[in-house]
Amino acid sequence: MAGSFGAGGEYITELREGLKKEVGVTHVESEEHRQNQSLNAARDEEGLNWLKEQTMSMKFGN
């Protein structure tokens, strides 16, 4: 929103830091959560590769 008023990057940085001080920490990821995200990303990659193989075999009749 501030960008629509032509505010510079310095203003945005100051605004963000001020809000962090005022609101405090709102979200902290646990190590377990980060590990699960990595595992899910690996599974997504495996699934994508499987879908590509299926698509190629349907497209070219392999």
Protein backbone atom coordinates (compact mmCIF):
# COMPACT_ATOMS: atom_id res chain seq x y z
CA MET A 1 0.00 0.00 0.00
CA ALA A 2 2.78 2.41 0.86
CA GLY A 3 4.29 1.78 -2.56
CA SER A 4 1.18 3.20 -4.19
CA PHE A 5 1.98 6.52 -2.49
CA GLY A 6 5.47 6.64 -3.94
CA ALA A 7 7.25 5.78 -0.68
CA GLY A 8 10.93 4.97 -0.97
CA GLY A 9 12.56 1.72 0.07
CA GLU A 10 13.98 3.28 3.23
CA TYR A 11 10.50 4.26 4.41
CA ILE A 12 9.20 0.75 3.80
CA THR A 13 12.11 -0.76 5.74
CA GLU A 14 11.50 1.59 8.67
CA LEU A 15 7.78 0.86 8.60
CA ARG A 16 8.39 -2.90 8.60
CA GLU A 17 10.88 -2.72 11.47
CA GLY A 18 8.51 -0.53 13.48
CA LEU A 19 5.68 -3.01 12.98
CA LYS A 20 7.92 -5.88 14.04
CA LYS A 21 8.74 -4.05 17.26
CA GLU A 22 5.11 -3.18 17.88
CA VAL A 23 3.58 -6.57 17.06
CA GLY A 24 6.45 -8.83 17.99
CA VAL A 25 7.15 -12.31 16.68
CA THR A 26 4.03 -13.74 15.08
CA HIS A 27 5.33 -17.01 13.65
CA VAL A 28 8.24 -19.31 14.40
CA GLU A 29 8.84 -22.49 12.44
CA SER A 30 10.02 -25.49 14.36
CA GLU A 31 12.88 -27.64 13.14
CA GLU A 32 10.39 -30.48 12.64
CA HIS A 33 8.27 -28.24 10.40
CA ARG A 34 11.30 -27.30 8.28
CA GLN A 35 12.27 -30.97 7.92
CA ASN A 36 8.73 -31.86 6.86
CA GLN A 37 8.82 -29.11 4.23
CA SER A 38 12.04 -30.56 2.81
CA LEU A 39 10.55 -34.05 2.77
CA ASN A 40 7.40 -32.78 1.07
CA ALA A 41 9.48 -30.95 -1.55
CA ALA A 42 11.35 -34.19 -2.31
CA ARG A 43 8.05 -36.05 -2.61
CA ASP A 44 6.68 -33.36 -4.89
CA GLU A 45 9.71 -33.74 -7.16
CA GLU A 46 9.26 -37.52 -7.25
CA GLY A 47 5.58 -37.12 -8.06
CA LEU A 48 6.30 -34.61 -10.80
CA ASN A 49 8.82 -36.94 -12.39
CA TRP A 50 6.32 -39.82 -12.23
CA LEU A 51 3.66 -37.67 -13.90
CA LYS A 52 6.09 -36.65 -16.64
CA GLU A 53 6.88 -40.31 -17.32
CA GLN A 54 3.18 -41.19 -17.45
CA THR A 55 2.45 -38.31 -19.78
CA MET A 56 5.30 -39.20 -22.10
CA SER A 57 4.23 -42.85 -22.27
CA MET A 58 0.65 -41.83 -23.09
CA LYS A 59 1.74 -39.24 -25.64
CA PHE A 60 4.20 -41.46 -27.47
CA GLY A 61 2.72 -44.86 -26.65
CA ASN A 62 5.83 -46.14 -24.80
